[in-house]
């Protein structure tokens, strides 16, 4: 599973660190730019296996990512 964050998106550095600590085997990277600038300015997001995952706030995004990771691992 590939998870990509944009360094310009709010909270992306924190998400990257938390997920890497919990799931060191996953391919998680903080990119200079994810080329989703319009979304990046508006709300938290990640790109998971080339699919855009968005949420209203950082906690909701983190929760969605945990669900996706658990689904992939089961």
PDB file of N, CA and C in Angstrom:
ATOM      1  N   UNK A   1       0.849  -1.175   0.000  1.00  0.00           N
ATOM      2  CA  UNK A   1       0.000   0.000   0.000  1.00  0.00           C
ATOM      3  C   UNK A   1       0.894   1.236   0.000  1.00  0.00           C
ATOM      4  N   UNK A   2       0.616   2.147  -0.926  1.00  0.00           N
ATOM      5  CA  UNK A   2       1.346   3.411  -0.996  1.00  0.00           C
ATOM      6  C   UNK A   2       0.470   4.529  -0.453  1.00  0.00           C
ATOM      7  N   UNK A   3       1.019   5.308   0.460  1.00  0.00           N
ATOM      8  CA  UNK A   3       0.317   6.472   0.986  1.00  0.00           C
ATOM      9  C   UNK A   3       1.229   7.672   0.791  1.00  0.00           C
ATOM     10  N   UNK A   4       0.694   8.710   0.146  1.00  0.00           N
ATOM     11  CA  UNK A   4       1.470   9.912  -0.120  1.00  0.00           C
ATOM     12  C   UNK A   4       0.772  11.124   0.479  1.00  0.00           C
ATOM     13  N   UNK A   5       1.559  11.971   1.124  1.00  0.00           N
ATOM     14  CA  UNK A   5       1.075  13.234   1.664  1.00  0.00           C
ATOM     15  C   UNK A   5       1.818  14.373   0.990  1.00  0.00           C
ATOM     16  N   UNK A   6       1.183  15.533   0.910  1.00  0.00           N
ATOM     17  CA  UNK A   6       1.831  16.738   0.391  1.00  0.00           C
ATOM     18  C   UNK A   6       2.349  17.541   1.584  1.00  0.00           C
ATOM     19  N   UNK A   7       3.588  17.981   1.512  1.00  0.00           N
ATOM     20  CA  UNK A   7       4.163  18.710   2.642  1.00  0.00           C
ATOM     21  C   UNK A   7       3.466  20.047   2.884  1.00  0.00           C
ATOM     22  N   UNK A   8       2.730  20.556   1.904  1.00  0.00           N
ATOM     23  CA  UNK A   8       2.038  21.838   2.053  1.00  0.00           C
ATOM     24  C   UNK A   8       0.659  21.681   2.693  1.00  0.00           C
ATOM     25  N   UNK A   9       0.172  20.461   2.803  1.00  0.00           N
ATOM     26  CA  UNK A   9      -1.149  20.204   3.357  1.00  0.00           C
ATOM     27  C   UNK A   9      -1.084  20.210   4.878  1.00  0.00           C
ATOM     28  N   UNK A  10      -2.120  20.746   5.508  1.00  0.00           N
ATOM     29  CA  UNK A  10      -2.124  20.889   6.963  1.00  0.00           C
ATOM     30  C   UNK A  10      -2.023  19.543   7.675  1.00  0.00           C
ATOM     31  N   UNK A  11      -1.065  19.433   8.580  1.00  0.00           N
ATOM     32  CA  UNK A  11      -0.909  18.241   9.400  1.00  0.00           C
ATOM     33  C   UNK A  11      -0.245  17.061   8.731  1.00  0.00           C
ATOM     34  N   UNK A  12       0.188  17.211   7.498  1.00  0.00           N
ATOM     35  CA  UNK A  12       0.722  16.065   6.762  1.00  0.00           C
ATOM     36  C   UNK A  12       1.980  15.482   7.405  1.00  0.00           C
ATOM     37  N   UNK A  13       2.834  16.323   7.946  1.00  0.00           N
ATOM     38  CA  UNK A  13       4.047  15.822   8.592  1.00  0.00           C
ATOM     39  C   UNK A  13       3.728  14.966   9.806  1.00  0.00           C
ATOM     40  N   UNK A  14       2.745  15.398  10.575  1.00  0.00           N
ATOM     41  CA  UNK A  14       2.323  14.644  11.758  1.00  0.00           C
ATOM     42  C   UNK A  14       1.727  13.293  11.362  1.00  0.00           C
ATOM     43  N   UNK A  15       0.876  13.287  10.319  1.00  0.00           N
ATOM     44  CA  UNK A  15       0.284  12.024   9.858  1.00  0.00           C
ATOM     45  C   UNK A  15       1.362  11.063   9.394  1.00  0.00           C
ATOM     46  N   UNK A  16       2.327  11.586   8.667  1.00  0.00           N
ATOM     47  CA  UNK A  16       3.410  10.745   8.157  1.00  0.00           C
ATOM     48  C   UNK A  16       4.153  10.086   9.304  1.00  0.00           C
ATOM     49  N   UNK A  17       4.505  10.859  10.317  1.00  0.00           N
ATOM     50  CA  UNK A  17       5.246  10.323  11.468  1.00  0.00           C
ATOM     51  C   UNK A  17       4.420   9.294  12.231  1.00  0.00           C
ATOM     52  N   UNK A  18       3.143   9.606  12.484  1.00  0.00           N
ATOM     53  CA  UNK A  18       2.294   8.690  13.246  1.00  0.00           C
ATOM     54  C   UNK A  18       2.102   7.362  12.519  1.00  0.00           C
ATOM     55  N   UNK A  19       1.828   7.434  11.218  1.00  0.00           N
ATOM     56  CA  UNK A  19       1.599   6.202  10.463  1.00  0.00           C
ATOM     57  C   UNK A  19       2.872   5.378  10.321  1.00  0.00           C
ATOM     58  N   UNK A  20       4.010   6.041  10.106  1.00  0.00           N
ATOM     59  CA  UNK A  20       5.276   5.308  10.017  1.00  0.00           C
ATOM     60  C   UNK A  20       5.616   4.616  11.332  1.00  0.00           C
ATOM     61  N   UNK A  21       5.284   5.258  12.454  1.00  0.00           N
ATOM     62  CA  UNK A  21       5.541   4.652  13.761  1.00  0.00           C
ATOM     63  C   UNK A  21       4.656   3.418  13.967  1.00  0.00           C
ATOM     64  N   UNK A  22       3.397   3.503  13.531  1.00  0.00           N
ATOM     65  CA  UNK A  22       2.455   2.393  13.710  1.00  0.00           C
ATOM     66  C   UNK A  22       2.633   1.291  12.671  1.00  0.00           C
ATOM     67  N   UNK A  23       2.964   1.689  11.448  1.00  0.00           N
ATOM     68  CA  UNK A  23       3.035   0.741  10.327  1.00  0.00           C
ATOM     69  C   UNK A  23       4.346   0.934   9.558  1.00  0.00           C
ATOM     70  N   UNK A  24       5.455   0.530  10.131  1.00  0.00           N
ATOM     71  CA  UNK A  24       6.756   0.767   9.484  1.00  0.00           C
ATOM     72  C   UNK A  24       6.938   0.024   8.159  1.00  0.00           C
ATOM     73  N   UNK A  25       6.137  -0.993   7.897  1.00  0.00           N
ATOM     74  CA  UNK A  25       6.277  -1.761   6.659  1.00  0.00           C
ATOM     75  C   UNK A  25       5.555  -1.125   5.468  1.00  0.00           C
ATOM     76  N   UNK A  26       4.712  -0.129   5.723  1.00  0.00           N
ATOM     77  CA  UNK A  26       3.979   0.506   4.629  1.00  0.00           C
ATOM     78  C   UNK A  26       4.863   1.501   3.890  1.00  0.00           C
ATOM     79  N   UNK A  27       4.531   1.751   2.635  1.00  0.00           N
ATOM     80  CA  UNK A  27       5.246   2.714   1.794  1.00  0.00           C
ATOM     81  C   UNK A  27       4.577   4.081   1.977  1.00  0.00           C
ATOM     82  N   UNK A  28       5.039   4.840   2.965  1.00  0.00           N
ATOM     83  CA  UNK A  28       4.454   6.135   3.306  1.00  0.00           C
ATOM     84  C   UNK A  28       5.500   7.213   3.074  1.00  0.00           C
ATOM     85  N   UNK A  29       5.120   8.236   2.291  1.00  0.00           N
ATOM     86  CA  UNK A  29       6.072   9.304   1.995  1.00  0.00           C
ATOM     87  C   UNK A  29       5.409  10.665   2.050  1.00  0.00           C
ATOM     88  N   UNK A  30       6.192  11.645   2.460  1.00  0.00           N
ATOM     89  CA  UNK A  30       5.790  13.044   2.447  1.00  0.00           C
ATOM     90  C   UNK A  30       6.433  13.665   1.212  1.00  0.00           C
ATOM     91  N   UNK A  31       5.624  14.033   0.236  1.00  0.00           N
ATOM     92  CA  UNK A  31       6.121  14.559  -1.033  1.00  0.00           C
ATOM     93  C   UNK A  31       6.190  16.085  -0.992  1.00  0.00           C
ATOM     94  N   UNK A  32       7.069  16.652  -1.796  1.00  0.00           N
ATOM     95  CA  UNK A  32       7.144  18.113  -1.902  1.00  0.00           C
ATOM     96  C   UNK A  32       5.838  18.679  -2.438  1.00  0.00           C
ATOM     97  N   UNK A  33       5.247  17.983  -3.395  1.00  0.00           N
ATOM     98  CA  UNK A  33       3.958  18.399  -3.955  1.00  0.00           C
ATOM     99  C   UNK A  33       3.241  17.163  -4.480  1.00  0.00           C
ATOM    100  N   UNK A  34       1.967  17.038  -4.136  1.00  0.00           N
ATOM    101  CA  UNK A  34       1.168  15.905  -4.608  1.00  0.00           C
ATOM    102  C   UNK A  34       0.353  16.275  -5.849  1.00  0.00           C
ATOM    103  N   UNK A  35       0.523  17.507  -6.315  1.00  0.00           N
ATOM    104  CA  UNK A  35      -0.167  18.000  -7.515  1.00  0.00           C
ATOM    105  C   UNK A  35      -1.690  17.978  -7.363  1.00  0.00           C
ATOM    106  N   UNK A  36      -2.137  18.281  -6.173  1.00  0.00           N
ATOM    107  CA  UNK A  36      -3.564  18.402  -5.869  1.00  0.00           C
ATOM    108  C   UNK A  36      -3.790  19.746  -5.179  1.00  0.00           C
ATOM    109  N   UNK A  37      -3.241  20.813  -5.759  1.00  0.00           N
ATOM    110  CA  UNK A  37      -3.151  22.115  -5.095  1.00  0.00           C
ATOM    111  C   UNK A  37      -4.500  22.684  -4.659  1.00  0.00           C
ATOM    112  N   UNK A  38      -5.524  22.550  -5.482  1.00  0.00           N
ATOM    113  CA  UNK A  38      -6.833  23.102  -5.134  1.00  0.00           C
ATOM    114  C   UNK A  38      -7.379  22.442  -3.861  1.00  0.00           C
ATOM    115  N   UNK A  39      -7.290  21.136  -3.801  1.00  0.00           N
ATOM    116  CA  UNK A  39      -7.753  20.389  -2.626  1.00  0.00           C
ATOM    117  C   UNK A  39      -6.834  20.658  -1.440  1.00  0.00           C
ATOM    118  N   UNK A  40      -5.549  20.719  -1.702  1.00  0.00           N
ATOM    119  CA  UNK A  40      -4.539  20.902  -0.659  1.00  0.00           C
ATOM    120  C   UNK A  40      -4.792  22.173   0.154  1.00  0.00           C
ATOM    121  N   UNK A  41      -5.244  23.220  -0.511  1.00  0.00           N
ATOM    122  CA  UNK A  41      -5.515  24.493   0.163  1.00  0.00           C
ATOM    123  C   UNK A  41      -6.774  24.432   1.016  1.00  0.00           C
ATOM    124  N   UNK A  42      -7.682  23.506   0.705  1.00  0.00           N
ATOM    125  CA  UNK A  42      -8.996  23.482   1.333  1.00  0.00           C
ATOM    126  C   UNK A  42      -9.146  22.502   2.486  1.00  0.00           C
ATOM    127  N   UNK A  43      -8.537  21.317   2.366  1.00  0.00           N
ATOM    128  CA  UNK A  43      -8.792  20.296   3.379  1.00  0.00           C
ATOM    129  C   UNK A  43      -7.682  19.253   3.402  1.00  0.00           C
ATOM    130  N   UNK A  44      -7.610  18.496   4.497  1.00  0.00           N
ATOM    131  CA  UNK A  44      -6.611  17.427   4.595  1.00  0.00           C
ATOM    132  C   UNK A  44      -6.903  16.320   3.581  1.00  0.00           C
ATOM    133  N   UNK A  45      -5.835  15.759   3.016  1.00  0.00           N
ATOM    134  CA  UNK A  45      -5.995  14.673   2.057  1.00  0.00           C
ATOM    135  C   UNK A  45      -4.733  13.823   2.019  1.00  0.00           C
ATOM    136  N   UNK A  46      -4.887  12.652   1.434  1.00  0.00           N
ATOM    137  CA  UNK A  46      -3.761  11.762   1.155  1.00  0.00           C
ATOM    138  C   UNK A  46      -4.071  11.048  -0.154  1.00  0.00           C
ATOM    139  N   UNK A  47      -3.044  10.562  -0.802  1.00  0.00           N
ATOM    140  CA  UNK A  47      -3.221   9.745  -1.996  1.00  0.00           C
ATOM    141  C   UNK A  47      -2.826   8.323  -1.597  1.00  0.00           C
ATOM    142  N   UNK A  48      -3.806   7.419  -1.652  1.00  0.00           N
ATOM    143  CA  UNK A  48      -3.606   6.031  -1.242  1.00  0.00           C
ATOM    144  C   UNK A  48      -3.761   5.144  -2.476  1.00  0.00           C
ATOM    145  N   UNK A  49      -2.672   4.506  -2.862  1.00  0.00           N
ATOM    146  CA  UNK A  49      -2.680   3.664  -4.066  1.00  0.00           C
ATOM    147  C   UNK A  49      -3.328   4.390  -5.252  1.00  0.00           C
ATOM    148  N   UNK A  50      -2.912   5.626  -5.463  1.00  0.00           N
ATOM    149  CA  UNK A  50      -3.353   6.494  -6.569  1.00  0.00           C
ATOM    150  C   UNK A  50      -4.799   6.958  -6.444  1.00  0.00           C
ATOM    151  N   UNK A  51      -5.445   6.696  -5.301  1.00  0.00           N
ATOM    152  CA  UNK A  51      -6.809   7.152  -5.049  1.00  0.00           C
ATOM    153  C   UNK A  51      -6.772   8.288  -4.032  1.00  0.00           C
ATOM    154  N   UNK A  52      -7.513   9.338  -4.299  1.00  0.00           N
ATOM    155  CA  UNK A  52      -7.562  10.492  -3.415  1.00  0.00           C
ATOM    156  C   UNK A  52      -8.475  10.202  -2.228  1.00  0.00           C
ATOM    157  N   UNK A  53      -7.978  10.444  -1.026  1.00  0.00           N
ATOM    158  CA  UNK A  53      -8.761  10.280   0.201  1.00  0.00           C
ATOM    159  C   UNK A  53      -8.782  11.636   0.888  1.00  0.00           C
ATOM    160  N   UNK A  54      -9.990  12.188   1.099  1.00  0.00           N
ATOM    161  CA  UNK A  54     -10.140  13.509   1.710  1.00  0.00           C
ATOM    162  C   UNK A  54     -11.025  13.406   2.946  1.00  0.00           C
ATOM    163  N   UNK A  55     -10.885  14.409   3.817  1.00  0.00           N
ATOM    164  CA  UNK A  55     -11.722  14.462   5.013  1.00  0.00           C
ATOM    165  C   UNK A  55     -11.898  15.917   5.434  1.00  0.00           C
ATOM    166  N   UNK A  56     -12.885  16.144   6.286  1.00  0.00           N
ATOM    167  CA  UNK A  56     -13.176  17.498   6.749  1.00  0.00           C
ATOM    168  C   UNK A  56     -12.085  18.033   7.668  1.00  0.00           C
ATOM    169  N   UNK A  57     -11.455  17.133   8.430  1.00  0.00           N
ATOM    170  CA  UNK A  57     -10.376  17.561   9.321  1.00  0.00           C
ATOM    171  C   UNK A  57      -9.336  16.450   9.444  1.00  0.00           C
ATOM    172  N   UNK A  58      -8.253  16.767  10.120  1.00  0.00           N
ATOM    173  CA  UNK A  58      -7.141  15.834  10.232  1.00  0.00           C
ATOM    174  C   UNK A  58      -7.489  14.544  10.952  1.00  0.00           C
ATOM    175  N   UNK A  59      -8.280  14.648  12.011  1.00  0.00           N
ATOM    176  CA  UNK A  59      -8.656  13.448  12.761  1.00  0.00           C
ATOM    177  C   UNK A  59      -9.488  12.496  11.904  1.00  0.00           C
ATOM    178  N   UNK A  60     -10.391  13.066  11.117  1.00  0.00           N
ATOM    179  CA  UNK A  60     -11.227  12.239  10.242  1.00  0.00           C
ATOM    180  C   UNK A  60     -10.376  11.564   9.165  1.00  0.00           C
ATOM    181  N   UNK A  61      -9.413  12.283   8.614  1.00  0.00           N
ATOM    182  CA  UNK A  61      -8.529  11.696   7.605  1.00  0.00           C
ATOM    183  C   UNK A  61      -7.715  10.561   8.208  1.00  0.00           C
ATOM    184  N   UNK A  62      -7.167  10.788   9.378  1.00  0.00           N
ATOM    185  CA  UNK A  62      -6.373   9.757  10.038  1.00  0.00           C
ATOM    186  C   UNK A  62      -7.220   8.505  10.276  1.00  0.00           C
ATOM    187  N   UNK A  63      -8.463   8.699  10.712  1.00  0.00           N
ATOM    188  CA  UNK A  63      -9.374   7.576  10.926  1.00  0.00           C
ATOM    189  C   UNK A  63      -9.659   6.816   9.638  1.00  0.00           C
ATOM    190  N   UNK A  64      -9.877   7.549   8.554  1.00  0.00           N
ATOM    191  CA  UNK A  64     -10.123   6.904   7.260  1.00  0.00           C
ATOM    192  C   UNK A  64      -8.908   6.100   6.811  1.00  0.00           C
ATOM    193  N   UNK A  65      -7.726   6.647   7.022  1.00  0.00           N
ATOM    194  CA  UNK A  65      -6.506   5.943   6.633  1.00  0.00           C
ATOM    195  C   UNK A  65      -6.331   4.659   7.443  1.00  0.00           C
ATOM    196  N   UNK A  66      -6.634   4.714   8.735  1.00  0.00           N
ATOM    197  CA  UNK A  66      -6.532   3.510   9.565  1.00  0.00           C
ATOM    198  C   UNK A  66      -7.487   2.424   9.079  1.00  0.00           C
ATOM    199  N   UNK A  67      -8.701   2.816   8.701  1.00  0.00           N
ATOM    200  CA  UNK A  67      -9.678   1.852   8.179  1.00  0.00           C
ATOM    201  C   UNK A  67      -9.162   1.223   6.888  1.00  0.00           C
ATOM    202  N   UNK A  68      -8.631   2.041   5.981  1.00  0.00           N
ATOM    203  CA  UNK A  68      -8.099   1.518   4.717  1.00  0.00           C
ATOM    204  C   UNK A  68      -6.933   0.563   4.952  1.00  0.00           C
ATOM    205  N   UNK A  69      -6.063   0.905   5.879  1.00  0.00           N
ATOM    206  CA  UNK A  69      -4.914   0.048   6.190  1.00  0.00           C
ATOM    207  C   UNK A  69      -5.393  -1.280   6.757  1.00  0.00           C
ATOM    208  N   UNK A  70      -6.357  -1.221   7.689  1.00  0.00           N
ATOM    209  CA  UNK A  70      -6.881  -2.451   8.287  1.00  0.00           C
ATOM    210  C   UNK A  70      -7.569  -3.333   7.243  1.00  0.00           C
ATOM    211  N   UNK A  71      -8.309  -2.714   6.313  1.00  0.00           N
ATOM    212  CA  UNK A  71      -8.966  -3.481   5.251  1.00  0.00           C
ATOM    213  C   UNK A  71      -7.933  -4.166   4.364  1.00  0.00           C
ATOM    214  N   UNK A  72      -6.873  -3.461   4.050  1.00  0.00           N
ATOM    215  CA  UNK A  72      -5.830  -4.004   3.178  1.00  0.00           C
ATOM    216  C   UNK A  72      -5.076  -5.147   3.872  1.00  0.00           C
ATOM    217  N   UNK A  73      -4.904  -5.030   5.189  1.00  0.00           N
ATOM    218  CA  UNK A  73      -4.144  -6.031   5.940  1.00  0.00           C
ATOM    219  C   UNK A  73      -4.959  -7.259   6.316  1.00  0.00           C
ATOM    220  N   UNK A  74      -6.271  -7.211   6.126  1.00  0.00           N
ATOM    221  CA  UNK A  74      -7.082  -8.376   6.530  1.00  0.00           C
ATOM    222  C   UNK A  74      -7.439  -9.260   5.367  1.00  0.00           C
TER     223      UNK A  74
END
